Amino acid sequence: MNMDLSPEDLAFRDEVRAFLAAHLPERLREGARNTPSVFVEPDIGDEWHRLLHARGWVAYNWPAEDGGTGWDPVKRYLFEKECALADAPALSVLGLKLIGPVLCRYGTPAQKARFLPPILDASEKWCQGYSEPGAGSDLASLKTRAVRQGDRYVINGSKIWTTHAHYADWMFCLVRTDPDAKPQAGISFLLVPMKQPGITIRPIVTHAGDHEVNQVFLDNAETLVEHRVGEEGQGWEIAKYLLENERGGSCAAPRLLADIEGLKRVAESEPSGTNGPLGAQDSLRRRLARLELEALALETTELRILADLAQGRRPGPQTSLVKLVAANIRQAIDELAVDLFGPLGLQLPPERPLYGNSAPEPVGSREAQLAMPAYLNGRAWTIFGGTNEVQKGIIAKQVLGL
């Protein structure tokens, strides 16, 4: 793949930079910098979403005919990289990068007309109903049951680790519609309204102090048959397509590289306590250099995947490689930050958010205050979207042929 940017690509990059300089407020940049978790709070995430929607750039991985930008892989990469460098808040993946592309590919015209516009303008939020107690890594063993009764399904079961269910209007949900079929063959993909009497949401507060995830109980919850995506029994196929997008449908490397640069800047100003800044220590410089090289290699792989997507080819099992490597680099960055700040990096304030007028005062710098919350929240990187062990199994079987 030709890695040189064309004059058109360079002009686009400059256009994105100019837009970010003019329209990304400092309060959103500050909020993004001081968010230790994967998902940003709606107060900054929604505002940034709407600013991008007004510019026509929010659904940058959707086809143009469905309301997206229709950008090629290079433009998508450049956009994500410039947003990362500018400290833009991360957009919620649940609507834009997970269910959105599924509807673009598998949805009926009526489903697209109903659900895509509210994703674009952020008037409806989504959550993902995949994992269950006892059916996380072994997703095919899920037990949540949906029984068709006339024009609707009645659903009973529970989902766990459901990110932002407490904000969501809809859940895209894997359910078992045929208990007698083979595990994967009996699963269907439903869109379920969250604001109904049959749904109870129980918050789960993580060790980091963040309320991102929940357990959701479905007790005779209902959804219309017209809200089933694909046919009955096609849910496993759709779920795999969605997971490929989750694991490799965007670029993690630009954000990782931006965070590594941030650590470099801190290391150059943080005193070592012996002689000069921490950045002068050979051991720290080696760790930073290794992380940067690994992130650059990941970036190249992500660009190859985006090129495959542009040619209409599904990325396949190489997305598992991206997910595995990105998760390990993310955790290594967080570990290095805790080591960098020493005792000041051990503080764990329970308040959220860690930005704005109500943020708790840090002990030392704000960067030091973020180190431990980010480290603890980042332990989930090797779990969500498929654990490291699941990714290694996919790579061994489908890539290495073992």
Protein backbone atom coordinates (compact mmCIF):
# COMPACT_ATOMS: atom_id res chain seq x y z
CA MET A 1 0.00 0.00 0.00
CA ASN A 2 1.31 3.44 -0.95
CA MET A 3 1.85 5.31 2.32
CA ASP A 4 2.60 8.70 0.71
CA LEU A 5 -0.10 11.33 1.09
CA SER A 6 -1.42 12.86 -2.12
CA PRO A 7 -1.89 16.64 -2.49
CA GLU A 8 -5.64 16.02 -2.04
CA ASP A 9 -5.01 14.15 1.21
CA LEU A 10 -2.73 16.88 2.51
CA ALA A 11 -5.37 19.49 1.67
CA PHE A 12 -7.97 17.45 3.54
CA ARG A 13 -5.66 17.13 6.56
CA ASP A 14 -5.22 20.90 6.61
CA GLU A 15 -9.00 21.36 6.36
CA VAL A 16 -9.52 19.12 9.38
CA ARG A 17 -6.83 20.96 11.34
CA ALA A 18 -8.43 24.32 10.54
CA PHE A 19 -11.86 23.06 11.58
CA LEU A 20 -10.53 21.71 14.88
CA ALA A 21 -8.69 24.94 15.61
CA ALA A 22 -11.82 27.00 14.96
CA HIS A 23 -14.61 24.82 16.34
CA LEU A 24 -13.26 22.52 19.06
CA PRO A 25 -13.72 24.51 22.31
CA GLU A 26 -11.02 24.39 24.96
CA ARG A 27 -13.51 23.12 27.56
CA LEU A 28 -14.04 19.99 25.41
CA ARG A 29 -10.30 19.54 24.96
CA GLU A 30 -9.77 19.88 28.69
CA GLY A 31 -12.58 17.43 29.38
CA ALA A 32 -11.13 14.88 26.98
CA ARG A 33 -7.62 15.22 28.41
CA ASN A 34 -8.95 14.68 31.93
CA THR A 35 -11.19 11.69 31.19
CA PRO A 36 -9.50 8.51 32.47
CA SER A 37 -12.05 6.10 31.02
CA VAL A 38 -12.71 4.70 27.56
CA PHE A 39 -16.09 6.42 27.25
CA VAL A 40 -16.43 10.17 27.73
CA GLU A 41 -19.30 11.68 29.69
CA PRO A 42 -22.29 12.84 27.62
CA ASP A 43 -21.78 16.49 28.56
CA ILE A 44 -18.66 16.70 26.39
CA GLY A 45 -19.29 13.76 24.06
CA ASP A 46 -22.71 14.93 22.90
CA GLU A 47 -21.57 18.49 22.32
CA TRP A 48 -18.67 17.34 20.16
CA HIS A 49 -20.96 14.88 18.34
CA ARG A 50 -23.36 17.69 17.42
CA LEU A 51 -20.57 20.00 16.28
CA LEU A 52 -19.31 17.30 13.92
CA HIS A 53 -22.85 16.52 12.76
CA ALA A 54 -23.37 20.16 11.83
CA ARG A 55 -20.20 19.94 9.72
CA GLY A 56 -21.34 16.65 8.15
CA TRP A 57 -18.40 14.71 9.59
CA VAL A 58 -19.83 12.70 12.48
CA ALA A 59 -20.51 9.41 10.62
CA TYR A 60 -17.14 9.28 8.94
CA ASN A 61 -17.19 5.48 8.60
CA TRP A 62 -20.67 5.27 7.01
CA PRO A 63 -21.39 5.22 3.27
CA ALA A 64 -22.57 8.51 1.81
CA GLU A 65 -25.94 7.06 0.76
CA ASP A 66 -26.75 6.36 4.41
CA GLY A 67 -25.85 9.80 5.69
CA GLY A 68 -22.12 9.27 6.20
CA THR A 69 -19.11 10.97 4.67
CA GLY A 70 -18.16 8.15 2.34
CA TRP A 71 -14.51 8.93 3.04
CA ASP A 72 -11.82 6.58 1.86
CA PRO A 73 -9.51 4.90 4.41
CA VAL A 74 -6.83 7.58 4.21
CA LYS A 75 -9.27 10.37 5.00
CA ARG A 76 -10.74 8.38 7.88
CA TYR A 77 -7.27 7.79 9.27
CA LEU A 78 -6.26 11.44 8.88
CA PHE A 79 -9.44 12.60 10.58
CA GLU A 80 -8.96 10.27 13.57
CA LYS A 81 -5.30 11.21 13.86
CA GLU A 82 -5.94 14.95 13.82
CA CYS A 83 -8.76 14.59 16.36
CA ALA A 84 -6.44 12.63 18.65
CA LEU A 85 -3.68 15.23 18.34
CA ALA A 86 -6.16 18.03 19.08
CA ASP A 87 -7.50 16.31 22.25
CA ALA A 88 -10.98 15.95 20.82
CA PRO A 89 -13.42 13.90 22.93
CA ALA A 90 -13.88 10.33 21.76
CA LEU A 91 -17.19 9.74 20.03
CA SER A 92 -19.42 7.02 21.43
CA VAL A 93 -18.83 3.90 19.38
CA LEU A 94 -22.15 2.29 20.31
CA GLY A 95 -24.29 4.14 17.80
CA LEU A 96 -21.83 5.48 15.26
CA LYS A 97 -19.38 2.59 14.92
CA LEU A 98 -21.33 -0.49 16.03
CA ILE A 99 -25.06 -0.50 15.31
CA GLY A 100 -24.80 2.21 12.64
CA PRO A 101 -22.63 0.18 10.22
CA VAL A 102 -24.75 -2.93 10.97
CA LEU A 103 -27.88 -1.10 9.87
CA CYS A 104 -26.10 0.29 6.82
CA ARG A 105 -25.27 -3.28 5.76
CA TYR A 106 -28.16 -5.42 7.06
CA GLY A 107 -30.98 -2.99 7.82
CA THR A 108 -34.13 -2.64 5.79
CA PRO A 109 -34.96 0.74 4.22
CA ALA A 110 -37.56 1.27 6.95
CA GLN A 111 -35.02 0.46 9.70
CA LYS A 112 -32.48 2.83 8.20
CA ALA A 113 -35.04 5.60 7.95
CA ARG A 114 -36.15 5.06 11.55
CA PHE A 115 -32.83 4.58 13.34
CA LEU A 116 -29.98 6.21 11.41
CA PRO A 117 -31.08 9.89 11.61
CA PRO A 118 -31.37 9.86 15.45
CA ILE A 119 -27.89 8.33 15.65
CA LEU A 120 -26.55 11.10 13.44
CA ASP A 121 -28.07 13.96 15.44
CA ALA A 122 -27.44 12.28 18.84
CA SER A 123 -31.11 12.40 19.80
CA GLU A 124 -31.11 8.66 20.60
CA LYS A 125 -28.42 6.70 22.42
CA TRP A 126 -27.60 3.00 22.20
CA CYS A 127 -26.15 0.23 24.31
CA GLN A 128 -24.98 -3.28 23.42
CA GLY A 129 -26.66 -6.40 24.80
CA TYR A 130 -24.12 -9.13 24.10
CA SER A 131 -22.43 -10.46 27.25
CA GLU A 132 -24.38 -12.30 29.92
CA PRO A 133 -23.49 -13.82 33.28
CA GLY A 134 -21.85 -17.06 32.15
CA ALA A 135 -21.75 -16.01 28.50
CA GLY A 136 -19.01 -13.44 28.06
CA SER A 137 -16.05 -14.90 26.21
CA ASP A 138 -18.26 -17.85 25.21
CA LEU A 139 -20.87 -15.61 23.64
CA ALA A 140 -22.54 -18.45 21.71
CA SER A 141 -23.78 -19.90 25.01
CA LEU A 142 -26.04 -16.91 25.71
CA LYS A 143 -29.40 -17.77 27.26
CA THR A 144 -31.52 -14.63 26.95
CA ARG A 145 -34.68 -15.92 25.26
CA ALA A 146 -37.00 -14.16 22.82
CA VAL A 147 -40.34 -15.77 21.96
CA ARG A 148 -42.36 -14.44 19.06
CA GLN A 149 -45.95 -13.58 19.88
CA GLY A 150 -47.75 -12.12 16.90
CA ASP A 151 -46.06 -8.92 15.76
CA ARG A 152 -43.61 -8.77 18.67
CA TYR A 153 -40.98 -10.66 20.64
CA VAL A 154 -41.19 -11.17 24.40
CA ILE A 155 -37.69 -11.26 25.92
CA ASN A 156 -36.47 -12.70 29.21
CA GLY A 157 -32.92 -12.87 30.53
CA SER A 158 -30.12 -10.51 31.52
CA LYS A 159 -27.12 -8.77 29.99
CA ILE A 160 -24.02 -7.61 31.84
CA TRP A 161 -21.17 -5.12 31.37
CA THR A 162 -23.67 -3.07 29.36
CA THR A 163 -21.87 0.19 28.69
CA HIS A 164 -23.99 3.36 29.09
CA ALA A 165 -27.24 1.42 29.46
CA HIS A 166 -28.25 4.11 31.97
CA TYR A 167 -28.20 6.66 29.15
CA ALA A 168 -29.52 4.47 26.34
CA ASP A 169 -32.83 4.71 24.50
CA TRP A 170 -32.24 1.45 22.59
CA MET A 171 -30.26 -1.73 22.95
CA PHE A 172 -29.01 -3.88 20.08
CA CYS A 173 -29.35 -7.29 21.58
CA LEU A 174 -28.42 -10.90 20.84
CA VAL A 175 -31.18 -13.30 21.89
CA ARG A 176 -31.93 -16.98 21.47
CA THR A 177 -34.99 -17.46 19.28
CA ASP A 178 -34.51 -21.18 18.60
CA PRO A 179 -33.38 -23.13 21.69
CA ASP A 180 -33.25 -26.41 19.75
CA ALA A 181 -30.82 -25.23 17.07
CA LYS A 182 -27.02 -25.38 17.33
CA PRO A 183 -25.79 -22.57 19.60
CA GLN A 184 -24.78 -20.11 16.88
CA ALA A 185 -27.70 -20.98 14.59
CA GLY A 186 -30.39 -20.18 17.15
CA ILE A 187 -29.41 -16.54 17.78
CA SER A 188 -31.19 -13.46 16.40
CA PHE A 189 -30.37 -9.75 16.47
CA LEU A 190 -33.05 -7.47 17.95
CA LEU A 191 -33.36 -3.75 18.56
CA VAL A 192 -35.02 -3.30 21.96
CA PRO A 193 -36.43 -0.06 23.42
CA MET A 194 -34.92 0.55 26.85
CA LYS A 195 -37.64 2.74 28.35
CA GLN A 196 -40.29 0.14 29.12
CA PRO A 197 -41.52 -1.56 32.30
CA GLY A 198 -39.83 -4.89 31.53
CA ILE A 199 -36.28 -3.51 31.76
CA THR A 200 -34.32 -2.90 34.96
CA ILE A 201 -30.83 -1.40 34.97
CA ARG A 202 -28.47 -2.10 37.87
CA PRO A 203 -25.30 0.06 37.94
CA ILE A 204 -21.83 -1.47 38.25
CA VAL A 205 -19.19 0.91 39.59
CA THR A 206 -15.67 -0.18 38.64
CA HIS A 207 -12.55 -0.22 40.81
CA ALA A 208 -11.57 3.02 39.11
CA GLY A 209 -14.70 4.71 40.47
CA ASP A 210 -16.38 5.00 37.06
CA HIS A 211 -20.00 4.19 36.33
CA GLU A 212 -19.76 3.09 32.73
CA VAL A 213 -21.23 -0.41 32.83
CA ASN A 214 -24.39 -2.00 34.14
CA GLN A 215 -26.36 -5.21 34.40
CA VAL A 216 -29.65 -5.15 32.50
CA PHE A 217 -32.56 -7.43 33.41
CA LEU A 218 -35.23 -8.18 30.81
CA ASP A 219 -38.46 -9.45 32.36
CA ASN A 220 -41.08 -9.89 29.63
CA ALA A 221 -39.57 -6.94 27.79
CA GLU A 222 -40.93 -6.48 24.29
CA THR A 223 -39.88 -5.33 20.86
CA LEU A 224 -41.59 -5.44 17.50
CA VAL A 225 -40.74 -8.07 14.91
CA GLU A 226 -40.00 -5.21 12.51
CA HIS A 227 -37.11 -4.33 14.83
CA ARG A 228 -35.32 -7.59 14.14
CA VAL A 229 -32.24 -7.03 11.96
CA GLY A 230 -31.84 -9.79 9.39
CA GLU A 231 -33.67 -13.08 9.59
CA GLU A 232 -34.23 -15.28 12.61
CA GLY A 233 -31.05 -17.24 13.22
CA GLN A 234 -28.86 -14.67 11.41
CA GLY A 235 -27.80 -12.96 14.61
CA TRP A 236 -24.45 -14.72 14.90
CA GLU A 237 -23.40 -13.60 11.41
CA ILE A 238 -24.41 -10.02 12.19
CA ALA A 239 -22.70 -10.16 15.59
CA LYS A 240 -19.41 -11.22 13.99
CA TYR A 241 -19.64 -8.36 11.49
CA LEU A 242 -20.24 -5.92 14.33
CA LEU A 243 -17.31 -7.29 16.36
CA GLU A 244 -15.00 -6.94 13.36
CA ASN A 245 -15.92 -3.24 13.28
CA GLU A 246 -15.44 -2.95 17.04
CA ARG A 247 -12.02 -4.58 16.93
CA GLY A 248 -10.65 -3.07 13.74
CA GLY A 249 -13.09 -0.66 12.14
CA SER A 250 -11.23 2.44 13.25
CA CYS A 251 -7.75 3.47 14.27
CA ALA A 252 -6.54 3.09 17.85
CA ALA A 253 -2.93 3.95 17.00
CA PRO A 254 -3.33 7.74 16.59
CA ARG A 255 -4.77 8.08 20.09
CA LEU A 256 -2.09 5.78 21.53
CA LEU A 257 0.66 7.73 19.81
CA ALA A 258 -0.78 11.02 21.08
CA ASP A 259 -0.79 9.66 24.64
CA ILE A 260 2.82 8.49 24.26
CA GLU A 261 3.79 12.01 23.17
CA GLY A 262 1.99 13.34 26.23
CA LEU A 263 4.02 11.06 28.47
CA LYS A 264 7.21 12.25 26.78
CA ARG A 265 6.33 15.87 27.56
CA VAL A 266 5.58 15.05 31.18
CA ALA A 267 8.80 13.06 31.52
CA GLU A 268 10.83 16.03 30.32
CA SER A 269 9.36 18.27 33.02
CA GLU A 270 8.95 15.81 35.90
CA PRO A 271 11.98 15.83 38.24
CA SER A 272 13.64 12.48 38.82
CA GLY A 273 14.72 13.29 42.37
CA THR A 274 18.33 12.53 41.52
CA ASN A 275 19.74 14.43 38.58
CA GLY A 276 17.63 16.12 35.93
CA PRO A 277 14.16 15.18 34.61
CA LEU A 278 12.76 11.66 34.44
CA GLY A 279 13.02 11.85 30.66
CA ALA A 280 16.79 11.69 30.95
CA GLN A 281 16.72 8.21 32.49
CA ASP A 282 17.72 5.51 30.03
CA SER A 283 15.24 2.96 31.36
CA LEU A 284 12.29 5.30 30.85
CA ARG A 285 13.49 6.37 27.41
CA ARG A 286 13.72 2.74 26.35
CA ARG A 287 10.18 2.01 27.53
CA LEU A 288 8.82 5.04 25.69
CA ALA A 289 10.73 4.17 22.51
CA ARG A 290 9.47 0.59 22.55
CA LEU A 291 5.87 1.71 23.04
CA GLU A 292 6.16 4.21 20.21
CA LEU A 293 7.58 1.61 17.80
CA GLU A 294 4.81 -0.85 18.70
CA ALA A 295 2.15 1.82 18.17
CA LEU A 296 3.64 2.80 14.80
CA ALA A 297 3.59 -0.85 13.69
CA LEU A 298 -0.04 -1.07 14.82
CA GLU A 299 -0.82 2.05 12.82
CA THR A 300 0.44 0.38 9.63
CA THR A 301 -1.72 -2.68 10.25
CA GLU A 302 -4.79 -0.51 10.86
CA LEU A 303 -4.21 1.31 7.59
CA ARG A 304 -4.09 -2.03 5.76
CA ILE A 305 -7.43 -3.01 7.32
CA LEU A 306 -9.02 0.28 6.29
CA ALA A 307 -7.72 -0.27 2.76
CA ASP A 308 -9.41 -3.69 2.72
CA LEU A 309 -12.67 -2.13 3.87
CA ALA A 310 -12.47 0.46 1.09
CA GLN A 311 -12.21 -2.36 -1.46
CA GLY A 312 -15.31 -4.01 -0.06
CA ARG A 313 -13.34 -6.78 1.65
CA ARG A 314 -14.21 -7.71 5.21
CA PRO A 315 -11.17 -7.33 7.47
CA GLY A 316 -11.65 -10.78 8.97
CA PRO A 317 -9.44 -12.25 11.69
CA GLN A 318 -6.70 -9.64 11.43
CA THR A 319 -8.97 -7.36 13.47
CA SER A 320 -8.30 -9.72 16.37
CA LEU A 321 -4.59 -8.99 15.98
CA VAL A 322 -5.30 -5.25 16.09
CA LYS A 323 -7.50 -5.60 19.16
CA LEU A 324 -4.89 -7.72 20.96
CA VAL A 325 -1.98 -5.39 20.22
CA ALA A 326 -3.90 -2.17 20.87
CA ALA A 327 -5.14 -3.44 24.24
CA ASN A 328 -1.64 -4.42 25.34
CA ILE A 329 -0.15 -1.08 24.26
CA ARG A 330 -2.94 0.82 26.02
CA GLN A 331 -2.26 -0.99 29.28
CA ALA A 332 1.50 -0.53 28.93
CA ILE A 333 1.01 3.23 28.52
CA ASP A 334 -1.16 3.35 31.64
CA GLU A 335 1.38 1.30 33.62
CA LEU A 336 4.18 3.63 32.55
CA ALA A 337 2.16 6.66 33.66
CA VAL A 338 1.71 5.21 37.17
CA ASP A 339 5.45 4.46 37.35
CA LEU A 340 6.29 7.92 36.05
CA PHE A 341 4.43 9.78 38.81
CA GLY A 342 5.42 7.49 41.67
CA PRO A 343 3.41 8.09 44.89
CA LEU A 344 1.51 10.99 43.29
CA GLY A 345 0.24 8.54 40.67
CA LEU A 346 -1.50 6.42 43.31
CA GLN A 347 -4.26 8.90 44.17
CA LEU A 348 -7.76 7.67 43.32
CA PRO A 349 -10.41 10.38 43.69
CA PRO A 350 -13.99 9.03 43.77
CA GLU A 351 -15.48 12.18 42.24
CA ARG A 352 -16.41 12.38 38.57
CA PRO A 353 -15.81 14.08 36.26
CA LEU A 354 -12.18 15.09 36.76
CA TYR A 355 -12.61 18.29 34.77
CA GLY A 356 -14.59 21.50 35.12
CA ASN A 357 -15.29 23.66 38.16
CA SER A 358 -16.38 20.76 40.37
CA ALA A 359 -13.31 18.58 39.74
CA PRO A 360 -11.39 17.59 42.89
CA GLU A 361 -8.08 19.29 43.51
CA PRO A 362 -5.19 17.05 42.44
CA VAL A 363 -2.25 16.11 44.63
CA GLY A 364 0.49 17.40 42.41
CA SER A 365 -0.56 17.71 38.79
CA ARG A 366 -3.82 16.78 37.06
CA GLU A 367 -1.84 14.28 34.97
CA ALA A 368 -0.71 12.55 38.17
CA GLN A 369 -4.30 12.48 39.44
CA LEU A 370 -5.43 10.73 36.24
CA ALA A 371 -2.77 8.03 36.30
CA MET A 372 -4.40 5.53 38.68
CA PRO A 373 -8.01 5.95 37.46
CA ALA A 374 -6.78 5.45 33.88
CA TYR A 375 -4.71 2.43 34.89
CA LEU A 376 -7.63 0.74 36.65
CA ASN A 377 -10.16 1.58 33.94
CA GLY A 378 -7.72 0.39 31.30
CA ARG A 379 -7.63 -3.13 32.72
CA ALA A 380 -10.86 -3.67 30.81
CA TRP A 381 -9.08 -3.22 27.47
CA THR A 382 -7.98 -6.85 27.46
CA ILE A 383 -11.55 -7.96 28.26
CA PHE A 384 -14.12 -5.92 26.31
CA GLY A 385 -14.69 -6.70 22.64
CA GLY A 386 -13.34 -10.20 23.29
CA THR A 387 -10.64 -11.08 25.80
CA ASN A 388 -6.98 -11.42 24.89
CA GLU A 389 -7.39 -15.18 25.15
CA VAL A 390 -10.29 -15.12 22.67
CA GLN A 391 -8.26 -13.01 20.24
CA LYS A 392 -5.28 -15.37 20.50
CA GLY A 393 -7.55 -18.31 19.79
CA ILE A 394 -8.93 -16.63 16.66
CA ILE A 395 -5.43 -15.73 15.46
CA ALA A 396 -4.14 -19.26 16.09
CA LYS A 397 -7.02 -20.88 14.26
CA GLN A 398 -7.86 -18.50 11.42
CA VAL A 399 -4.54 -16.77 10.75
CA LEU A 400 -1.88 -19.35 11.67
CA GLY A 401 -3.99 -22.42 10.86
CA LEU A 402 -3.08 -24.17 14.11
